[in-house]
Amino acid sequence: MAKRYGTSGGVEVTDDVIERLADEAERGFDPARLRPRGRPPIGAAAAKVTQVRLPPDLSQALDERAARDHTGPSEVIRKALMEYLKV
């Protein structure tokens, strides 16, 4: 039985998978198939991280809204701030 190393992207990583990926790498990659690295920009310049403390009820409401909108909490916060600040 092949050794298991966990999962990556929902795929069980085994010695066989590693061997197949190594063979593919030795043949060379098509750069067009590679995913871009890093977070996509959300504005004209690099975004600044700002921390904020939320009481439990507001944090829960944020998580519920993000789930309802099928997005992340950061996007909900950005939209709320843009509306509040009229930006």
PDB file of N, CA and C in Angstrom:
ATOM      1  N   MET A   1       0.843  -1.192   0.000  1.00  0.00           N
ATOM      2  CA  MET A   1       0.000   0.000   0.000  1.00  0.00           C
ATOM      3  C   MET A   1       0.883   1.249   0.000  1.00  0.00           C
ATOM      4  N   ALA A   2       0.526   2.226  -0.797  1.00  0.00           N
ATOM      5  CA  ALA A   2       1.298   3.450  -0.924  1.00  0.00           C
ATOM      6  C   ALA A   2       1.166   4.305   0.341  1.00  0.00           C
ATOM      7  N   LYS A   3       2.268   4.999   0.679  1.00  0.00           N
ATOM      8  CA  LYS A   3       2.242   5.901   1.826  1.00  0.00           C
ATOM      9  C   LYS A   3       1.338   7.083   1.508  1.00  0.00           C
ATOM     10  N   ARG A   4       0.596   7.562   2.502  1.00  0.00           N
ATOM     11  CA  ARG A   4      -0.313   8.694   2.330  1.00  0.00           C
ATOM     12  C   ARG A   4       0.241   9.901   3.074  1.00  0.00           C
ATOM     13  N   TYR A   5       0.107  11.060   2.457  1.00  0.00           N
ATOM     14  CA  TYR A   5       0.662  12.290   3.016  1.00  0.00           C
ATOM     15  C   TYR A   5      -0.407  13.321   3.356  1.00  0.00           C
ATOM     16  N   GLY A   6      -1.670  12.954   3.260  1.00  0.00           N
ATOM     17  CA  GLY A   6      -2.751  13.903   3.495  1.00  0.00           C
ATOM     18  C   GLY A   6      -3.439  14.214   2.183  1.00  0.00           C
ATOM     19  N   THR A   7      -4.045  15.392   2.106  1.00  0.00           N
ATOM     20  CA  THR A   7      -4.744  15.782   0.886  1.00  0.00           C
ATOM     21  C   THR A   7      -4.269  17.151   0.428  1.00  0.00           C
ATOM     22  N   SER A   8      -4.462  17.416  -0.844  1.00  0.00           N
ATOM     23  CA  SER A   8      -4.176  18.727  -1.425  1.00  0.00           C
ATOM     24  C   SER A   8      -5.284  19.020  -2.416  1.00  0.00           C
ATOM     25  N   GLY A   9      -6.059  20.045  -2.151  1.00  0.00           N
ATOM     26  CA  GLY A   9      -7.163  20.384  -3.035  1.00  0.00           C
ATOM     27  C   GLY A   9      -8.190  19.275  -3.114  1.00  0.00           C
ATOM     28  N   GLY A  10      -8.346  18.515  -2.031  1.00  0.00           N
ATOM     29  CA  GLY A  10      -9.323  17.432  -1.999  1.00  0.00           C
ATOM     30  C   GLY A  10      -8.821  16.126  -2.594  1.00  0.00           C
ATOM     31  N   VAL A  11      -7.564  16.096  -3.057  1.00  0.00           N
ATOM     32  CA  VAL A  11      -6.988  14.890  -3.646  1.00  0.00           C
ATOM     33  C   VAL A  11      -6.040  14.250  -2.639  1.00  0.00           C
ATOM     34  N   GLU A  12      -6.211  12.952  -2.409  1.00  0.00           N
ATOM     35  CA  GLU A  12      -5.322  12.208  -1.513  1.00  0.00           C
ATOM     36  C   GLU A  12      -3.924  12.173  -2.114  1.00  0.00           C
ATOM     37  N   VAL A  13      -2.923  12.622  -1.356  1.00  0.00           N
ATOM     38  CA  VAL A  13      -1.546  12.638  -1.838  1.00  0.00           C
ATOM     39  C   VAL A  13      -0.873  11.332  -1.416  1.00  0.00           C
ATOM     40  N   THR A  14      -0.466  10.558  -2.406  1.00  0.00           N
ATOM     41  CA  THR A  14       0.217   9.276  -2.177  1.00  0.00           C
ATOM     42  C   THR A  14       1.529   9.283  -2.942  1.00  0.00           C
ATOM     43  N   ASP A  15       2.335   8.244  -2.747  1.00  0.00           N
ATOM     44  CA  ASP A  15       3.575   8.117  -3.511  1.00  0.00           C
ATOM     45  C   ASP A  15       3.286   8.107  -5.009  1.00  0.00           C
ATOM     46  N   ASP A  16       2.204   7.462  -5.418  1.00  0.00           N
ATOM     47  CA  ASP A  16       1.851   7.406  -6.837  1.00  0.00           C
ATOM     48  C   ASP A  16       1.545   8.802  -7.392  1.00  0.00           C
ATOM     49  N   VAL A  17       0.819   9.604  -6.634  1.00  0.00           N
ATOM     50  CA  VAL A  17       0.495  10.960  -7.072  1.00  0.00           C
ATOM     51  C   VAL A  17       1.771  11.786  -7.172  1.00  0.00           C
ATOM     52  N   ILE A  18       2.643  11.660  -6.183  1.00  0.00           N
ATOM     53  CA  ILE A  18       3.901  12.403  -6.198  1.00  0.00           C
ATOM     54  C   ILE A  18       4.738  12.004  -7.407  1.00  0.00           C
ATOM     55  N   GLU A  19       4.805  10.713  -7.701  1.00  0.00           N
ATOM     56  CA  GLU A  19       5.556  10.226  -8.860  1.00  0.00           C
ATOM     57  C   GLU A  19       4.982  10.794 -10.168  1.00  0.00           C
ATOM     58  N   ARG A  20       3.657  10.786 -10.294  1.00  0.00           N
ATOM     59  CA  ARG A  20       3.012  11.325 -11.499  1.00  0.00           C
ATOM     60  C   ARG A  20       3.301  12.811 -11.658  1.00  0.00           C
ATOM     61  N   LEU A  21       3.219  13.569 -10.562  1.00  0.00           N
ATOM     62  CA  LEU A  21       3.488  15.001 -10.626  1.00  0.00           C
ATOM     63  C   LEU A  21       4.958  15.279 -10.946  1.00  0.00           C
ATOM     64  N   ALA A  22       5.853  14.470 -10.402  1.00  0.00           N
ATOM     65  CA  ALA A  22       7.282  14.625 -10.696  1.00  0.00           C
ATOM     66  C   ALA A  22       7.556  14.358 -12.174  1.00  0.00           C
ATOM     67  N   ASP A  23       6.939  13.314 -12.724  1.00  0.00           N
ATOM     68  CA  ASP A  23       7.093  13.020 -14.156  1.00  0.00           C
ATOM     69  C   ASP A  23       6.604  14.185 -15.006  1.00  0.00           C
ATOM     70  N   GLU A  24       5.455  14.747 -14.627  1.00  0.00           N
ATOM     71  CA  GLU A  24       4.903  15.886 -15.363  1.00  0.00           C
ATOM     72  C   GLU A  24       5.839  17.081 -15.279  1.00  0.00           C
ATOM     73  N   ALA A  25       6.409  17.321 -14.099  1.00  0.00           N
ATOM     74  CA  ALA A  25       7.323  18.450 -13.914  1.00  0.00           C
ATOM     75  C   ALA A  25       8.581  18.271 -14.752  1.00  0.00           C
ATOM     76  N   GLU A  26       9.077  17.057 -14.841  1.00  0.00           N
ATOM     77  CA  GLU A  26      10.274  16.804 -15.638  1.00  0.00           C
ATOM     78  C   GLU A  26      10.020  17.032 -17.124  1.00  0.00           C
ATOM     79  N   ARG A  27       8.797  16.795 -17.578  1.00  0.00           N
ATOM     80  CA  ARG A  27       8.451  17.046 -18.986  1.00  0.00           C
ATOM     81  C   ARG A  27       8.294  18.537 -19.253  1.00  0.00           C
ATOM     82  N   GLY A  28       8.042  19.316 -18.213  1.00  0.00           N
ATOM     83  CA  GLY A  28       7.874  20.758 -18.357  1.00  0.00           C
ATOM     84  C   GLY A  28       6.423  21.163 -18.219  1.00  0.00           C
ATOM     85  N   PHE A  29       6.216  22.347 -17.667  1.00  0.00           N
ATOM     86  CA  PHE A  29       4.878  22.876 -17.455  1.00  0.00           C
ATOM     87  C   PHE A  29       4.497  23.836 -18.567  1.00  0.00           C
ATOM     88  N   ASP A  30       3.232  23.912 -18.852  1.00  0.00           N
ATOM     89  CA  ASP A  30       2.706  24.931 -19.745  1.00  0.00           C
ATOM     90  C   ASP A  30       2.372  26.133 -18.872  1.00  0.00           C
ATOM     91  N   PRO A  31       3.108  27.244 -18.984  1.00  0.00           N
ATOM     92  CA  PRO A  31       2.872  28.399 -18.113  1.00  0.00           C
ATOM     93  C   PRO A  31       1.430  28.909 -18.155  1.00  0.00           C
ATOM     94  N   ALA A  32       0.733  28.684 -19.254  1.00  0.00           N
ATOM     95  CA  ALA A  32      -0.655  29.143 -19.359  1.00  0.00           C
ATOM     96  C   ALA A  32      -1.572  28.401 -18.386  1.00  0.00           C
ATOM     97  N   ARG A  33      -1.144  27.203 -17.930  1.00  0.00           N
ATOM     98  CA  ARG A  33      -1.971  26.426 -17.006  1.00  0.00           C
ATOM     99  C   ARG A  33      -1.730  26.790 -15.546  1.00  0.00           C
ATOM    100  N   LEU A  34      -0.689  27.582 -15.268  1.00  0.00           N
ATOM    101  CA  LEU A  34      -0.363  27.937 -13.890  1.00  0.00           C
ATOM    102  C   LEU A  34      -1.286  29.034 -13.388  1.00  0.00           C
ATOM    103  N   ARG A  35      -1.660  28.932 -12.123  1.00  0.00           N
ATOM    104  CA  ARG A  35      -2.501  29.960 -11.510  1.00  0.00           C
ATOM    105  C   ARG A  35      -1.622  31.110 -11.033  1.00  0.00           C
ATOM    106  N   PRO A  36      -2.123  32.347 -11.118  1.00  0.00           N
ATOM    107  CA  PRO A  36      -1.341  33.468 -10.598  1.00  0.00           C
ATOM    108  C   PRO A  36      -1.181  33.336  -9.090  1.00  0.00           C
ATOM    109  N   ARG A  37      -0.059  33.808  -8.584  1.00  0.00           N
ATOM    110  CA  ARG A  37       0.200  33.736  -7.148  1.00  0.00           C
ATOM    111  C   ARG A  37      -0.230  35.018  -6.463  1.00  0.00           C
ATOM    112  N   GLY A  38      -0.563  34.893  -5.196  1.00  0.00           N
ATOM    113  CA  GLY A  38      -0.902  36.053  -4.391  1.00  0.00           C
ATOM    114  C   GLY A  38      -2.361  36.443  -4.527  1.00  0.00           C
ATOM    115  N   ARG A  39      -2.726  37.416  -3.751  1.00  0.00           N
ATOM    116  CA  ARG A  39      -4.106  37.909  -3.776  1.00  0.00           C
ATOM    117  C   ARG A  39      -4.285  38.877  -4.928  1.00  0.00           C
ATOM    118  N   PRO A  40      -5.449  38.849  -5.547  1.00  0.00           N
ATOM    119  CA  PRO A  40      -5.689  39.827  -6.607  1.00  0.00           C
ATOM    120  C   PRO A  40      -5.823  41.229  -5.997  1.00  0.00           C
ATOM    121  N   PRO A  41      -5.390  42.252  -6.720  1.00  0.00           N
ATOM    122  CA  PRO A  41      -5.515  43.612  -6.183  1.00  0.00           C
ATOM    123  C   PRO A  41      -6.983  44.007  -6.060  1.00  0.00           C
ATOM    124  N   ILE A  42      -7.285  44.825  -5.043  1.00  0.00           N
ATOM    125  CA  ILE A  42      -8.663  45.287  -4.857  1.00  0.00           C
ATOM    126  C   ILE A  42      -8.770  46.793  -5.069  1.00  0.00           C
ATOM    127  N   GLY A  43      -7.711  47.379  -5.569  1.00  0.00           N
ATOM    128  CA  GLY A  43      -7.717  48.817  -5.833  1.00  0.00           C
ATOM    129  C   GLY A  43      -6.527  49.170  -6.700  1.00  0.00           C
ATOM    130  N   ALA A  44      -6.262  50.474  -6.819  1.00  0.00           N
ATOM    131  CA  ALA A  44      -5.176  50.944  -7.670  1.00  0.00           C
ATOM    132  C   ALA A  44      -3.810  50.710  -7.028  1.00  0.00           C
ATOM    133  N   ALA A  45      -3.766  50.612  -5.703  1.00  0.00           N
ATOM    134  CA  ALA A  45      -2.503  50.420  -4.986  1.00  0.00           C
ATOM    135  C   ALA A  45      -2.647  49.233  -4.036  1.00  0.00           C
ATOM    136  N   ALA A  46      -1.546  48.882  -3.403  1.00  0.00           N
ATOM    137  CA  ALA A  46      -1.576  47.781  -2.448  1.00  0.00           C
ATOM    138  C   ALA A  46      -2.543  48.108  -1.315  1.00  0.00           C
ATOM    139  N   ALA A  47      -3.322  47.111  -0.914  1.00  0.00           N
ATOM    140  CA  ALA A  47      -4.299  47.310   0.155  1.00  0.00           C
ATOM    141  C   ALA A  47      -3.603  47.305   1.515  1.00  0.00           C
ATOM    142  N   LYS A  48      -4.142  48.053   2.441  1.00  0.00           N
ATOM    143  CA  LYS A  48      -3.634  48.125   3.812  1.00  0.00           C
ATOM    144  C   LYS A  48      -4.538  47.284   4.704  1.00  0.00           C
ATOM    145  N   VAL A  49      -3.929  46.500   5.565  1.00  0.00           N
ATOM    146  CA  VAL A  49      -4.691  45.695   6.519  1.00  0.00           C
ATOM    147  C   VAL A  49      -4.981  46.558   7.745  1.00  0.00           C
ATOM    148  N   THR A  50      -6.253  46.600   8.141  1.00  0.00           N
ATOM    149  CA  THR A  50      -6.670  47.345   9.321  1.00  0.00           C
ATOM    150  C   THR A  50      -7.466  46.405  10.222  1.00  0.00           C
ATOM    151  N   GLN A  51      -7.043  46.307  11.472  1.00  0.00           N
ATOM    152  CA  GLN A  51      -7.751  45.436  12.409  1.00  0.00           C
ATOM    153  C   GLN A  51      -8.849  46.217  13.112  1.00  0.00           C
ATOM    154  N   VAL A  52      -9.901  45.494  13.443  1.00  0.00           N
ATOM    155  CA  VAL A  52     -10.995  46.101  14.201  1.00  0.00           C
ATOM    156  C   VAL A  52     -11.540  45.040  15.157  1.00  0.00           C
ATOM    157  N   ARG A  53     -11.860  45.442  16.357  1.00  0.00           N
ATOM    158  CA  ARG A  53     -12.455  44.519  17.335  1.00  0.00           C
ATOM    159  C   ARG A  53     -13.967  44.609  17.225  1.00  0.00           C
ATOM    160  N   LEU A  54     -14.607  43.451  17.162  1.00  0.00           N
ATOM    161  CA  LEU A  54     -16.065  43.406  17.070  1.00  0.00           C
ATOM    162  C   LEU A  54     -16.630  42.641  18.257  1.00  0.00           C
ATOM    163  N   PRO A  55     -17.698  43.138  18.844  1.00  0.00           N
ATOM    164  CA  PRO A  55     -18.357  42.363  19.884  1.00  0.00           C
ATOM    165  C   PRO A  55     -18.956  41.099  19.257  1.00  0.00           C
ATOM    166  N   PRO A  56     -19.169  40.064  20.059  1.00  0.00           N
ATOM    167  CA  PRO A  56     -19.639  38.783  19.528  1.00  0.00           C
ATOM    168  C   PRO A  56     -20.897  38.875  18.664  1.00  0.00           C
ATOM    169  N   ASP A  57     -21.869  39.705  19.064  1.00  0.00           N
ATOM    170  CA  ASP A  57     -23.104  39.777  18.277  1.00  0.00           C
ATOM    171  C   ASP A  57     -22.877  40.400  16.901  1.00  0.00           C
ATOM    172  N   LEU A  58     -22.005  41.411  16.828  1.00  0.00           N
ATOM    173  CA  LEU A  58     -21.703  42.037  15.543  1.00  0.00           C
ATOM    174  C   LEU A  58     -20.863  41.103  14.670  1.00  0.00           C
ATOM    175  N   SER A  59     -19.947  40.380  15.286  1.00  0.00           N
ATOM    176  CA  SER A  59     -19.142  39.403  14.551  1.00  0.00           C
ATOM    177  C   SER A  59     -20.019  38.307  13.961  1.00  0.00           C
ATOM    178  N   GLN A  60     -20.975  37.842  14.728  1.00  0.00           N
ATOM    179  CA  GLN A  60     -21.895  36.810  14.248  1.00  0.00           C
ATOM    180  C   GLN A  60     -22.751  37.348  13.101  1.00  0.00           C
ATOM    181  N   ALA A  61     -23.226  38.577  13.236  1.00  0.00           N
ATOM    182  CA  ALA A  61     -24.030  39.181  12.168  1.00  0.00           C
ATOM    183  C   ALA A  61     -23.197  39.339  10.895  1.00  0.00           C
ATOM    184  N   LEU A  62     -21.935  39.701  11.039  1.00  0.00           N
ATOM    185  CA  LEU A  62     -21.035  39.826   9.891  1.00  0.00           C
ATOM    186  C   LEU A  62     -20.866  38.482   9.189  1.00  0.00           C
ATOM    187  N   ASP A  63     -20.597  37.429   9.971  1.00  0.00           N
ATOM    188  CA  ASP A  63     -20.434  36.094   9.391  1.00  0.00           C
ATOM    189  C   ASP A  63     -21.703  35.622   8.690  1.00  0.00           C
ATOM    190  N   GLU A  64     -22.849  35.895   9.295  1.00  0.00           N
ATOM    191  CA  GLU A  64     -24.129  35.485   8.690  1.00  0.00           C
ATOM    192  C   GLU A  64     -24.377  36.232   7.378  1.00  0.00           C
ATOM    193  N   ARG A  65     -24.070  37.535   7.353  1.00  0.00           N
ATOM    194  CA  ARG A  65     -24.267  38.323   6.128  1.00  0.00           C
ATOM    195  C   ARG A  65     -23.327  37.844   5.032  1.00  0.00           C
ATOM    196  N   ALA A  66     -22.069  37.561   5.392  1.00  0.00           N
ATOM    197  CA  ALA A  66     -21.109  37.074   4.407  1.00  0.00           C
ATOM    198  C   ALA A  66     -21.568  35.740   3.822  1.00  0.00           C
ATOM    199  N   ALA A  67     -22.074  34.865   4.661  1.00  0.00           N
ATOM    200  CA  ALA A  67     -22.567  33.566   4.181  1.00  0.00           C
ATOM    201  C   ALA A  67     -23.778  33.762   3.268  1.00  0.00           C
ATOM    202  N   ARG A  68     -24.678  34.651   3.660  1.00  0.00           N
ATOM    203  CA  ARG A  68     -25.882  34.913   2.862  1.00  0.00           C
ATOM    204  C   ARG A  68     -25.522  35.499   1.496  1.00  0.00           C
ATOM    205  N   ASP A  69     -24.474  36.340   1.456  1.00  0.00           N
ATOM    206  CA  ASP A  69     -24.042  36.978   0.213  1.00  0.00           C
ATOM    207  C   ASP A  69     -23.036  36.125  -0.566  1.00  0.00           C
ATOM    208  N   HIS A  70     -22.685  34.961  -0.036  1.00  0.00           N
ATOM    209  CA  HIS A  70     -21.689  34.077  -0.665  1.00  0.00           C
ATOM    210  C   HIS A  70     -20.375  34.814  -0.921  1.00  0.00           C
ATOM    211  N   THR A  71     -19.908  35.509   0.102  1.00  0.00           N
ATOM    212  CA  THR A  71     -18.660  36.261   0.009  1.00  0.00           C
ATOM    213  C   THR A  71     -17.942  36.169   1.352  1.00  0.00           C
ATOM    214  N   GLY A  72     -16.858  36.883   1.507  1.00  0.00           N
ATOM    215  CA  GLY A  72     -16.117  36.864   2.753  1.00  0.00           C
ATOM    216  C   GLY A  72     -16.435  38.062   3.618  1.00  0.00           C
ATOM    217  N   PRO A  73     -16.107  37.979   4.898  1.00  0.00           N
ATOM    218  CA  PRO A  73     -16.349  39.107   5.804  1.00  0.00           C
ATOM    219  C   PRO A  73     -15.657  40.391   5.352  1.00  0.00           C
ATOM    220  N   SER A  74     -14.462  40.282   4.780  1.00  0.00           N
ATOM    221  CA  SER A  74     -13.745  41.484   4.342  1.00  0.00           C
ATOM    222  C   SER A  74     -14.534  42.247   3.287  1.00  0.00           C
ATOM    223  N   GLU A  75     -15.152  41.520   2.349  1.00  0.00           N
ATOM    224  CA  GLU A  75     -15.933  42.172   1.304  1.00  0.00           C
ATOM    225  C   GLU A  75     -17.152  42.870   1.895  1.00  0.00           C
ATOM    226  N   VAL A  76     -17.803  42.240   2.869  1.00  0.00           N
ATOM    227  CA  VAL A  76     -18.961  42.861   3.522  1.00  0.00           C
ATOM    228  C   VAL A  76     -18.530  44.144   4.231  1.00  0.00           C
ATOM    229  N   ILE A  77     -17.403  44.096   4.917  1.00  0.00           N
ATOM    230  CA  ILE A  77     -16.901  45.276   5.633  1.00  0.00           C
ATOM    231  C   ILE A  77     -16.559  46.383   4.644  1.00  0.00           C
ATOM    232  N   ARG A  78     -15.867  46.045   3.538  1.00  0.00           N
ATOM    233  CA  ARG A  78     -15.526  47.074   2.540  1.00  0.00           C
ATOM    234  C   ARG A  78     -16.783  47.742   1.986  1.00  0.00           C
ATOM    235  N   LYS A  79     -17.795  46.936   1.625  1.00  0.00           N
ATOM    236  CA  LYS A  79     -19.033  47.502   1.077  1.00  0.00           C
ATOM    237  C   LYS A  79     -19.725  48.401   2.098  1.00  0.00           C
ATOM    238  N   ALA A  80     -19.766  47.959   3.353  1.00  0.00           N
ATOM    239  CA  ALA A  80     -20.417  48.757   4.396  1.00  0.00           C
ATOM    240  C   ALA A  80     -19.683  50.081   4.605  1.00  0.00           C
ATOM    241  N   LEU A  81     -18.353  50.043   4.613  1.00  0.00           N
ATOM    242  CA  LEU A  81     -17.587  51.275   4.796  1.00  0.00           C
ATOM    243  C   LEU A  81     -17.739  52.214   3.611  1.00  0.00           C
ATOM    244  N   MET A  82     -17.730  51.676   2.397  1.00  0.00           N
ATOM    245  CA  MET A  82     -17.906  52.526   1.212  1.00  0.00           C
ATOM    246  C   MET A  82     -19.249  53.232   1.236  1.00  0.00           C
ATOM    247  N   GLU A  83     -20.286  52.493   1.651  1.00  0.00           N
ATOM    248  CA  GLU A  83     -21.607  53.103   1.744  1.00  0.00           C
ATOM    249  C   GLU A  83     -21.658  54.146   2.856  1.00  0.00           C
ATOM    250  N   TYR A  84     -21.114  53.819   4.009  1.00  0.00           N
ATOM    251  CA  TYR A  84     -21.145  54.741   5.149  1.00  0.00           C
ATOM    252  C   TYR A  84     -20.329  56.001   4.879  1.00  0.00           C
ATOM    253  N   LEU A  85     -19.168  55.836   4.243  1.00  0.00           N
ATOM    254  CA  LEU A  85     -18.278  56.972   3.985  1.00  0.00           C
ATOM    255  C   LEU A  85     -18.572  57.660   2.654  1.00  0.00           C
ATOM    256  N   LYS A  86     -19.546  57.133   1.901  1.00  0.00           N
ATOM    257  CA  LYS A  86     -19.910  57.694   0.596  1.00  0.00           C
ATOM    258  C   LYS A  86     -18.718  57.742  -0.358  1.00  0.00           C
ATOM    259  N   VAL A  87     -17.960  56.653  -0.387  1.00  0.00           N
ATOM    260  CA  VAL A  87     -16.767  56.552  -1.260  1.00  0.00           C
ATOM    261  C   VAL A  87     -17.130  55.805  -2.508  1.00  0.00           C
TER     262      VAL A  87
END
